[in-house]
């Protein structure tokens, strides 16, 4: 039986587990998807949440949120929505290419992420954040940009 992790330690869900999770509505959590998003300069959504990227247009400001860490990237969308396969599952990744103004590596420097509570406190709001990607109002984007600069986030790719 295959385990939930690959030999190199990177998370790789067993196909049967993914199918079971998809059936029960929990297939969208991919704990290491952020690595590929930052490395490939893209924002991605998978399986049940893949359509969340379908309306994001080229030129839209965008911020990537990593669950339990905070905002890990800020930039602009540079392509129309594209579709890719995920581990043999046809068309289960929807993505847009991005030019990131700021990024952080959530494993090496999680303290540099902009936390959800910081954003909500600044905006006197209660935004709900998800793992994949968000577009936010201009005031929120300005605050995230300011906090990234204050925290020493890396310009461009980490």
N, C-alpha and C. Protein backbone atom coordinates (compact mmCIF):
# COMPACT_ATOMS: atom_id res chain seq x y z
N UNK A 1 0.83 -1.18 0.00
CA UNK A 1 0.00 0.00 0.00
C UNK A 1 0.88 1.25 0.00
N UNK A 2 0.54 2.23 -0.82
CA UNK A 2 1.28 3.49 -0.86
C UNK A 2 0.89 4.36 0.32
N UNK A 3 1.84 5.09 0.82
CA UNK A 3 1.57 6.02 1.91
C UNK A 3 1.14 7.36 1.33
N UNK A 4 0.81 8.28 2.21
CA UNK A 4 0.39 9.61 1.78
C UNK A 4 1.57 10.49 1.41
N UNK A 5 2.81 10.02 1.64
CA UNK A 5 3.98 10.84 1.35
C UNK A 5 4.93 10.14 0.40
N UNK A 6 5.56 10.91 -0.45
CA UNK A 6 6.53 10.37 -1.40
C UNK A 6 7.85 10.11 -0.70
N UNK A 7 8.75 9.42 -1.35
CA UNK A 7 10.06 9.08 -0.79
C UNK A 7 10.85 10.33 -0.43
N UNK A 8 10.74 11.37 -1.23
CA UNK A 8 11.51 12.58 -0.96
C UNK A 8 10.91 13.45 0.14
N UNK A 9 9.80 13.02 0.74
CA UNK A 9 9.21 13.75 1.85
C UNK A 9 8.16 14.77 1.44
N UNK A 10 8.07 15.09 0.17
CA UNK A 10 7.03 16.02 -0.28
C UNK A 10 5.69 15.32 -0.25
N UNK A 11 4.66 16.04 0.14
CA UNK A 11 3.33 15.45 0.22
C UNK A 11 2.87 15.02 -1.16
N UNK A 12 2.40 13.82 -1.26
CA UNK A 12 1.85 13.30 -2.51
C UNK A 12 0.71 12.37 -2.13
N UNK A 13 -0.52 12.86 -2.23
CA UNK A 13 -1.65 12.06 -1.81
C UNK A 13 -1.88 10.87 -2.73
N UNK A 14 -2.14 9.74 -2.14
CA UNK A 14 -2.47 8.53 -2.88
C UNK A 14 -3.76 8.80 -3.66
N UNK A 15 -3.83 8.35 -4.90
CA UNK A 15 -4.98 8.63 -5.76
C UNK A 15 -6.30 8.19 -5.11
N UNK A 16 -6.31 7.03 -4.46
CA UNK A 16 -7.52 6.54 -3.79
C UNK A 16 -7.96 7.48 -2.69
N UNK A 17 -7.00 8.01 -1.95
CA UNK A 17 -7.32 8.97 -0.89
C UNK A 17 -7.90 10.24 -1.49
N UNK A 18 -7.31 10.73 -2.59
CA UNK A 18 -7.83 11.93 -3.25
C UNK A 18 -9.27 11.72 -3.69
N UNK A 19 -9.57 10.54 -4.25
CA UNK A 19 -10.92 10.27 -4.71
C UNK A 19 -11.90 10.24 -3.55
N UNK A 20 -11.50 9.62 -2.43
CA UNK A 20 -12.33 9.59 -1.24
C UNK A 20 -12.54 11.00 -0.70
N UNK A 21 -11.47 11.76 -0.62
CA UNK A 21 -11.57 13.14 -0.13
C UNK A 21 -12.46 13.98 -1.04
N UNK A 22 -12.31 13.81 -2.36
CA UNK A 22 -13.14 14.56 -3.30
C UNK A 22 -14.62 14.22 -3.09
N UNK A 23 -14.91 12.93 -2.87
CA UNK A 23 -16.29 12.49 -2.64
C UNK A 23 -16.88 13.18 -1.41
N UNK A 24 -16.06 13.33 -0.37
CA UNK A 24 -16.54 13.95 0.86
C UNK A 24 -16.28 15.45 0.91
N UNK A 25 -15.86 16.04 -0.19
CA UNK A 25 -15.74 17.48 -0.29
C UNK A 25 -14.47 18.07 0.31
N UNK A 26 -13.40 17.29 0.45
CA UNK A 26 -12.18 17.81 1.07
C UNK A 26 -10.96 17.59 0.18
N UNK A 27 -11.13 17.67 -1.14
CA UNK A 27 -10.01 17.39 -2.04
C UNK A 27 -9.16 18.60 -2.35
N UNK A 28 -9.57 19.76 -1.90
CA UNK A 28 -8.86 20.97 -2.31
C UNK A 28 -7.64 21.28 -1.46
N UNK A 29 -7.49 20.68 -0.31
CA UNK A 29 -6.34 20.99 0.53
C UNK A 29 -5.13 20.21 0.05
N UNK A 30 -4.18 20.92 -0.48
CA UNK A 30 -2.93 20.33 -0.96
C UNK A 30 -1.82 21.07 -0.24
N UNK A 31 -1.30 20.50 0.86
CA UNK A 31 -0.43 21.24 1.76
C UNK A 31 0.85 21.80 1.17
N UNK A 32 1.33 21.26 0.06
CA UNK A 32 2.56 21.82 -0.50
C UNK A 32 2.36 22.49 -1.85
N UNK A 33 1.13 22.79 -2.22
CA UNK A 33 0.86 23.44 -3.50
C UNK A 33 1.55 24.80 -3.59
N UNK A 34 1.74 25.46 -2.46
CA UNK A 34 2.39 26.77 -2.45
C UNK A 34 3.78 26.72 -3.08
N UNK A 35 4.50 25.60 -2.91
CA UNK A 35 5.85 25.49 -3.47
C UNK A 35 5.83 25.69 -4.99
N UNK A 36 4.95 24.95 -5.64
CA UNK A 36 4.86 25.06 -7.09
C UNK A 36 4.34 26.42 -7.52
N UNK A 37 3.39 26.97 -6.76
CA UNK A 37 2.86 28.28 -7.12
C UNK A 37 3.96 29.34 -7.08
N UNK A 38 4.77 29.35 -6.04
CA UNK A 38 5.85 30.34 -5.96
C UNK A 38 6.94 30.05 -6.99
N UNK A 39 7.31 28.78 -7.13
CA UNK A 39 8.38 28.42 -8.07
C UNK A 39 7.99 28.73 -9.51
N UNK A 40 6.73 28.49 -9.85
CA UNK A 40 6.27 28.66 -11.23
C UNK A 40 5.56 30.00 -11.44
N UNK A 41 5.55 30.87 -10.43
CA UNK A 41 4.88 32.18 -10.50
C UNK A 41 3.45 32.05 -11.00
N UNK A 42 2.65 31.34 -10.22
CA UNK A 42 1.25 31.15 -10.59
C UNK A 42 0.39 31.06 -9.35
N UNK A 43 -0.89 31.26 -9.54
CA UNK A 43 -1.90 31.04 -8.52
C UNK A 43 -2.77 29.91 -9.03
N UNK A 44 -2.97 28.88 -8.22
CA UNK A 44 -3.69 27.69 -8.64
C UNK A 44 -4.85 27.37 -7.71
N UNK A 45 -5.86 26.73 -8.27
CA UNK A 45 -6.96 26.17 -7.49
C UNK A 45 -7.22 24.77 -8.06
N UNK A 46 -7.61 23.86 -7.19
CA UNK A 46 -7.72 22.45 -7.56
C UNK A 46 -9.09 21.88 -7.24
N UNK A 47 -9.47 20.87 -8.01
CA UNK A 47 -10.65 20.06 -7.77
C UNK A 47 -11.89 20.92 -7.51
N UNK A 48 -12.52 20.78 -6.36
CA UNK A 48 -13.79 21.45 -6.08
C UNK A 48 -13.72 22.97 -6.07
N UNK A 49 -12.52 23.52 -5.89
CA UNK A 49 -12.38 24.98 -5.87
C UNK A 49 -11.76 25.54 -7.14
N UNK A 50 -11.53 24.70 -8.12
CA UNK A 50 -10.81 25.15 -9.32
C UNK A 50 -11.52 26.29 -10.04
N UNK A 51 -12.83 26.33 -9.99
CA UNK A 51 -13.56 27.38 -10.71
C UNK A 51 -13.39 28.75 -10.05
N UNK A 52 -12.82 28.80 -8.84
CA UNK A 52 -12.63 30.10 -8.17
C UNK A 52 -11.68 31.01 -8.94
N UNK A 53 -10.87 30.44 -9.83
CA UNK A 53 -9.94 31.26 -10.62
C UNK A 53 -10.49 31.64 -11.99
N UNK A 54 -11.62 31.09 -12.35
CA UNK A 54 -12.12 31.29 -13.70
C UNK A 54 -12.45 32.74 -14.04
N UNK A 55 -12.80 33.56 -13.06
CA UNK A 55 -13.16 34.94 -13.34
C UNK A 55 -12.04 35.95 -13.13
N UNK A 56 -10.85 35.49 -12.77
CA UNK A 56 -9.75 36.42 -12.51
C UNK A 56 -9.10 36.81 -13.84
N UNK A 57 -9.11 38.09 -14.13
CA UNK A 57 -8.62 38.58 -15.42
C UNK A 57 -7.15 39.00 -15.34
N UNK A 58 -6.52 38.98 -16.48
CA UNK A 58 -5.16 39.48 -16.62
C UNK A 58 -5.09 40.92 -16.10
N UNK A 59 -4.05 41.22 -15.29
CA UNK A 59 -3.88 42.55 -14.73
C UNK A 59 -4.47 42.73 -13.33
N UNK A 60 -5.23 41.74 -12.86
CA UNK A 60 -5.85 41.81 -11.54
C UNK A 60 -4.79 41.68 -10.44
N UNK A 61 -4.82 42.56 -9.43
CA UNK A 61 -3.93 42.37 -8.28
C UNK A 61 -4.32 41.07 -7.57
N UNK A 62 -3.33 40.35 -7.03
CA UNK A 62 -3.59 39.05 -6.43
C UNK A 62 -2.66 38.80 -5.26
N UNK A 63 -3.17 38.12 -4.25
CA UNK A 63 -2.37 37.75 -3.08
C UNK A 63 -2.59 36.27 -2.79
N UNK A 64 -1.52 35.55 -2.53
CA UNK A 64 -1.63 34.13 -2.17
C UNK A 64 -1.65 33.99 -0.66
N UNK A 65 -2.58 33.20 -0.16
CA UNK A 65 -2.70 32.95 1.27
C UNK A 65 -2.38 31.48 1.54
N UNK A 66 -1.57 31.24 2.56
CA UNK A 66 -1.22 29.88 2.95
C UNK A 66 -1.82 29.62 4.33
N UNK A 67 -2.69 28.63 4.43
CA UNK A 67 -3.39 28.32 5.67
C UNK A 67 -2.42 28.14 6.83
N UNK A 68 -2.72 28.81 7.93
CA UNK A 68 -1.92 28.70 9.13
C UNK A 68 -0.67 29.57 9.13
N UNK A 69 -0.38 30.24 8.01
CA UNK A 69 0.81 31.07 7.92
C UNK A 69 0.43 32.51 7.65
N UNK A 70 -0.33 32.76 6.59
CA UNK A 70 -0.74 34.10 6.20
C UNK A 70 -0.49 34.34 4.73
N UNK A 71 -0.52 35.60 4.33
CA UNK A 71 -0.25 35.95 2.93
C UNK A 71 1.23 35.68 2.66
N UNK A 72 1.50 34.97 1.57
CA UNK A 72 2.88 34.62 1.23
C UNK A 72 3.34 35.22 -0.09
N UNK A 73 2.45 35.87 -0.82
CA UNK A 73 2.84 36.51 -2.09
C UNK A 73 1.83 37.59 -2.45
N UNK A 74 2.33 38.59 -3.16
CA UNK A 74 1.50 39.68 -3.64
C UNK A 74 2.00 40.07 -5.02
N UNK A 75 1.07 40.22 -5.96
CA UNK A 75 1.47 40.60 -7.31
C UNK A 75 0.27 40.86 -8.20
N UNK A 76 0.47 40.62 -9.51
CA UNK A 76 -0.59 40.80 -10.50
C UNK A 76 -0.67 39.58 -11.40
N UNK A 77 -1.87 39.32 -11.88
CA UNK A 77 -2.11 38.23 -12.82
C UNK A 77 -1.59 38.64 -14.19
N UNK A 78 -0.83 37.76 -14.85
CA UNK A 78 -0.24 38.09 -16.16
C UNK A 78 -0.78 37.22 -17.30
N UNK A 79 -1.75 36.35 -17.02
CA UNK A 79 -2.31 35.51 -18.09
C UNK A 79 -3.80 35.29 -17.84
N UNK A 80 -4.47 34.82 -18.86
CA UNK A 80 -5.84 34.36 -18.68
C UNK A 80 -5.78 33.02 -17.96
N UNK A 81 -6.91 32.54 -17.46
CA UNK A 81 -6.99 31.26 -16.76
C UNK A 81 -6.55 30.13 -17.69
N UNK A 82 -5.77 29.22 -17.15
CA UNK A 82 -5.30 28.04 -17.88
C UNK A 82 -5.68 26.79 -17.10
N UNK A 83 -5.62 25.64 -17.77
CA UNK A 83 -6.03 24.37 -17.16
C UNK A 83 -4.91 23.35 -17.31
N UNK A 84 -4.70 22.54 -16.25
CA UNK A 84 -3.68 21.49 -16.28
C UNK A 84 -4.20 20.25 -15.55
N UNK A 85 -3.55 19.13 -15.81
CA UNK A 85 -3.86 17.88 -15.12
C UNK A 85 -3.13 17.83 -13.78
N UNK A 86 -3.68 17.08 -12.83
CA UNK A 86 -3.06 16.88 -11.52
C UNK A 86 -2.94 15.39 -11.28
N UNK A 87 -1.72 14.87 -11.25
CA UNK A 87 -1.48 13.45 -10.96
C UNK A 87 -2.42 12.53 -11.74
N UNK A 88 -2.59 12.80 -13.02
CA UNK A 88 -3.43 11.96 -13.86
C UNK A 88 -4.91 12.34 -13.86
N UNK A 89 -5.31 13.29 -13.05
CA UNK A 89 -6.69 13.75 -13.03
C UNK A 89 -6.82 14.90 -14.03
N UNK A 90 -7.49 14.65 -15.13
CA UNK A 90 -7.57 15.60 -16.23
C UNK A 90 -8.29 16.88 -15.85
N UNK A 91 -7.61 18.01 -16.12
CA UNK A 91 -8.22 19.33 -15.97
C UNK A 91 -8.54 19.75 -14.54
N UNK A 92 -7.89 19.17 -13.54
CA UNK A 92 -8.24 19.46 -12.15
C UNK A 92 -7.45 20.60 -11.52
N UNK A 93 -6.61 21.27 -12.30
CA UNK A 93 -5.95 22.48 -11.81
C UNK A 93 -6.31 23.63 -12.75
N UNK A 94 -6.85 24.68 -12.18
CA UNK A 94 -7.04 25.93 -12.92
C UNK A 94 -6.03 26.90 -12.35
N UNK A 95 -5.33 27.63 -13.22
CA UNK A 95 -4.30 28.54 -12.72
C UNK A 95 -4.18 29.76 -13.61
N UNK A 96 -3.57 30.80 -13.02
CA UNK A 96 -3.20 32.00 -13.75
C UNK A 96 -1.74 32.27 -13.44
N UNK A 97 -1.02 32.74 -14.43
CA UNK A 97 0.38 33.12 -14.20
C UNK A 97 0.41 34.48 -13.53
N UNK A 98 1.45 34.70 -12.70
CA UNK A 98 1.53 35.92 -11.90
C UNK A 98 2.92 36.51 -11.95
N UNK A 99 3.00 37.82 -11.79
CA UNK A 99 4.26 38.52 -11.55
C UNK A 99 4.18 38.95 -10.09
N UNK A 100 4.97 38.31 -9.23
CA UNK A 100 4.91 38.60 -7.81
C UNK A 100 5.81 39.77 -7.46
N UNK A 101 5.25 40.73 -6.75
CA UNK A 101 5.99 41.87 -6.26
C UNK A 101 6.74 41.50 -4.98
N UNK A 102 6.07 40.72 -4.12
CA UNK A 102 6.67 40.23 -2.87
C UNK A 102 6.33 38.76 -2.69
N UNK A 103 7.27 38.00 -2.13
CA UNK A 103 7.01 36.62 -1.75
C UNK A 103 7.78 36.31 -0.47
N UNK A 104 7.29 35.31 0.24
CA UNK A 104 8.05 34.78 1.38
C UNK A 104 7.99 33.26 1.30
N UNK A 105 8.97 32.60 1.87
CA UNK A 105 8.98 31.15 1.98
C UNK A 105 8.38 30.81 3.35
N UNK A 106 7.18 30.20 3.39
CA UNK A 106 6.51 29.98 4.67
C UNK A 106 7.21 28.96 5.58
N UNK A 107 8.13 28.18 5.04
CA UNK A 107 8.90 27.26 5.88
C UNK A 107 10.12 27.94 6.48
N UNK A 108 10.79 28.76 5.69
CA UNK A 108 12.02 29.40 6.15
C UNK A 108 11.79 30.71 6.91
N UNK A 109 10.71 31.43 6.57
CA UNK A 109 10.48 32.74 7.20
C UNK A 109 8.99 33.00 7.41
N UNK A 110 8.29 32.14 8.16
CA UNK A 110 6.85 32.35 8.35
C UNK A 110 6.51 33.66 9.05
N UNK A 111 7.45 34.19 9.82
CA UNK A 111 7.21 35.46 10.52
C UNK A 111 7.07 36.63 9.56
N UNK A 112 7.50 36.45 8.32
CA UNK A 112 7.39 37.52 7.32
C UNK A 112 6.04 37.53 6.60
N UNK A 113 5.24 36.50 6.80
CA UNK A 113 3.90 36.45 6.20
C UNK A 113 3.02 37.51 6.85
N UNK A 114 2.08 38.01 6.07
CA UNK A 114 1.10 38.96 6.60
C UNK A 114 -0.09 38.12 7.07
N UNK A 115 -0.33 38.16 8.37
CA UNK A 115 -1.35 37.33 8.99
C UNK A 115 -2.76 37.84 8.70
N UNK A 116 -3.70 36.92 8.67
CA UNK A 116 -5.11 37.27 8.44
C UNK A 116 -5.61 38.24 9.50
N UNK A 117 -5.23 38.00 10.75
CA UNK A 117 -5.70 38.88 11.82
C UNK A 117 -5.18 40.30 11.64
N UNK A 118 -3.95 40.45 11.09
CA UNK A 118 -3.40 41.79 10.86
C UNK A 118 -4.26 42.55 9.84
N UNK A 119 -4.62 41.85 8.77
CA UNK A 119 -5.42 42.46 7.71
C UNK A 119 -6.80 42.83 8.26
N UNK A 120 -7.43 41.89 8.96
CA UNK A 120 -8.76 42.15 9.50
C UNK A 120 -8.75 43.27 10.54
N UNK A 121 -7.72 43.30 11.36
CA UNK A 121 -7.61 44.37 12.35
C UNK A 121 -7.46 45.73 11.67
N UNK A 122 -6.61 45.80 10.66
CA UNK A 122 -6.38 47.06 9.94
C UNK A 122 -7.65 47.54 9.24
N UNK A 123 -8.37 46.61 8.63
CA UNK A 123 -9.56 46.97 7.86
C UNK A 123 -10.83 46.98 8.70
N UNK A 124 -10.72 46.61 9.96
CA UNK A 124 -11.88 46.45 10.83
C UNK A 124 -12.92 45.58 10.13
N UNK A 125 -12.44 44.42 9.70
CA UNK A 125 -13.26 43.49 8.92
C UNK A 125 -13.12 42.08 9.49
N UNK A 126 -13.79 41.16 8.85
CA UNK A 126 -13.68 39.75 9.23
C UNK A 126 -13.62 38.88 7.96
N UNK A 127 -12.67 39.20 7.08
CA UNK A 127 -12.50 38.42 5.85
C UNK A 127 -12.15 36.98 6.20
N UNK A 128 -12.68 36.05 5.45
CA UNK A 128 -12.32 34.64 5.59
C UNK A 128 -11.32 34.33 4.49
N UNK A 129 -10.23 33.73 4.86
CA UNK A 129 -9.19 33.42 3.91
C UNK A 129 -9.14 31.91 3.67
N UNK A 130 -8.75 31.54 2.45
CA UNK A 130 -8.59 30.13 2.08
C UNK A 130 -7.18 29.93 1.57
N UNK A 131 -6.81 28.70 1.35
CA UNK A 131 -5.42 28.39 1.01
C UNK A 131 -4.97 28.95 -0.33
N UNK A 132 -5.77 28.88 -1.34
CA UNK A 132 -5.25 29.07 -2.68
C UNK A 132 -4.92 30.51 -3.06
N UNK A 133 -5.90 31.36 -3.20
CA UNK A 133 -5.64 32.69 -3.76
C UNK A 133 -6.78 33.64 -3.42
N UNK A 134 -6.44 34.91 -3.30
CA UNK A 134 -7.46 35.91 -3.05
C UNK A 134 -7.21 37.17 -3.85
N UNK A 135 -8.28 37.79 -4.24
CA UNK A 135 -8.21 39.17 -4.70
C UNK A 135 -8.88 39.99 -3.61
N UNK A 136 -8.31 41.10 -3.26
CA UNK A 136 -8.79 41.91 -2.14
C UNK A 136 -8.97 43.36 -2.57
N UNK A 137 -9.73 44.13 -1.79
CA UNK A 137 -9.89 45.56 -2.09
C UNK A 137 -8.56 46.29 -2.04
N UNK A 138 -8.49 47.41 -2.73
CA UNK A 138 -7.26 48.20 -2.81
C UNK A 138 -6.65 48.54 -1.46
N UNK A 139 -7.47 48.87 -0.47
CA UNK A 139 -6.96 49.20 0.85
C UNK A 139 -6.23 48.01 1.48
N UNK A 140 -6.78 46.83 1.29
CA UNK A 140 -6.14 45.62 1.83
C UNK A 140 -4.83 45.35 1.11
N UNK A 141 -4.82 45.51 -0.19
CA UNK A 141 -3.59 45.28 -0.97
C UNK A 141 -2.50 46.26 -0.55
N UNK A 142 -2.86 47.53 -0.33
CA UNK A 142 -1.87 48.52 0.11
C UNK A 142 -1.31 48.13 1.48
N UNK A 143 -2.17 47.67 2.38
CA UNK A 143 -1.72 47.27 3.70
C UNK A 143 -0.79 46.06 3.62
N UNK A 144 -1.16 45.06 2.81
CA UNK A 144 -0.31 43.87 2.65
C UNK A 144 1.05 44.26 2.09
N UNK A 145 1.06 45.11 1.08
CA UNK A 145 2.32 45.59 0.48
C UNK A 145 3.19 46.27 1.54
N UNK A 146 2.59 47.14 2.34
CA UNK A 146 3.31 47.87 3.39
C UNK A 146 3.87 46.88 4.42
N UNK A 147 3.07 45.91 4.86
CA UNK A 147 3.52 44.94 5.87
C UNK A 147 4.62 44.04 5.32
N UNK A 148 4.51 43.63 4.05
CA UNK A 148 5.59 42.83 3.44
C UNK A 148 6.90 43.61 3.49
N UNK A 149 6.85 44.87 3.10
CA UNK A 149 8.07 45.70 3.11
C UNK A 149 8.61 45.84 4.52
N UNK A 150 7.75 46.07 5.50
CA UNK A 150 8.19 46.21 6.89
C UNK A 150 8.81 44.93 7.44
N UNK A 151 8.28 43.79 6.99
CA UNK A 151 8.74 42.49 7.50
C UNK A 151 9.92 41.93 6.70
N UNK A 152 10.35 42.63 5.68
CA UNK A 152 11.50 42.19 4.90
C UNK A 152 11.22 41.07 3.93
N UNK A 153 10.00 41.04 3.36
CA UNK A 153 9.67 40.03 2.35
C UNK A 153 10.56 40.21 1.13
N UNK A 154 10.78 39.14 0.41
CA UNK A 154 11.65 39.14 -0.76
C UNK A 154 10.94 39.76 -1.95
N UNK A 155 11.53 40.76 -2.59
CA UNK A 155 10.96 41.26 -3.85
C UNK A 155 11.02 40.14 -4.90
N UNK A 156 9.92 39.88 -5.59
CA UNK A 156 9.88 38.82 -6.60
C UNK A 156 9.82 37.44 -5.97
N UNK A 157 10.49 36.47 -6.58
CA UNK A 157 10.48 35.09 -6.09
C UNK A 157 11.36 34.94 -4.84
N UNK A 158 10.95 34.00 -3.92
CA UNK A 158 11.75 33.80 -2.71
C UNK A 158 13.09 33.15 -3.01
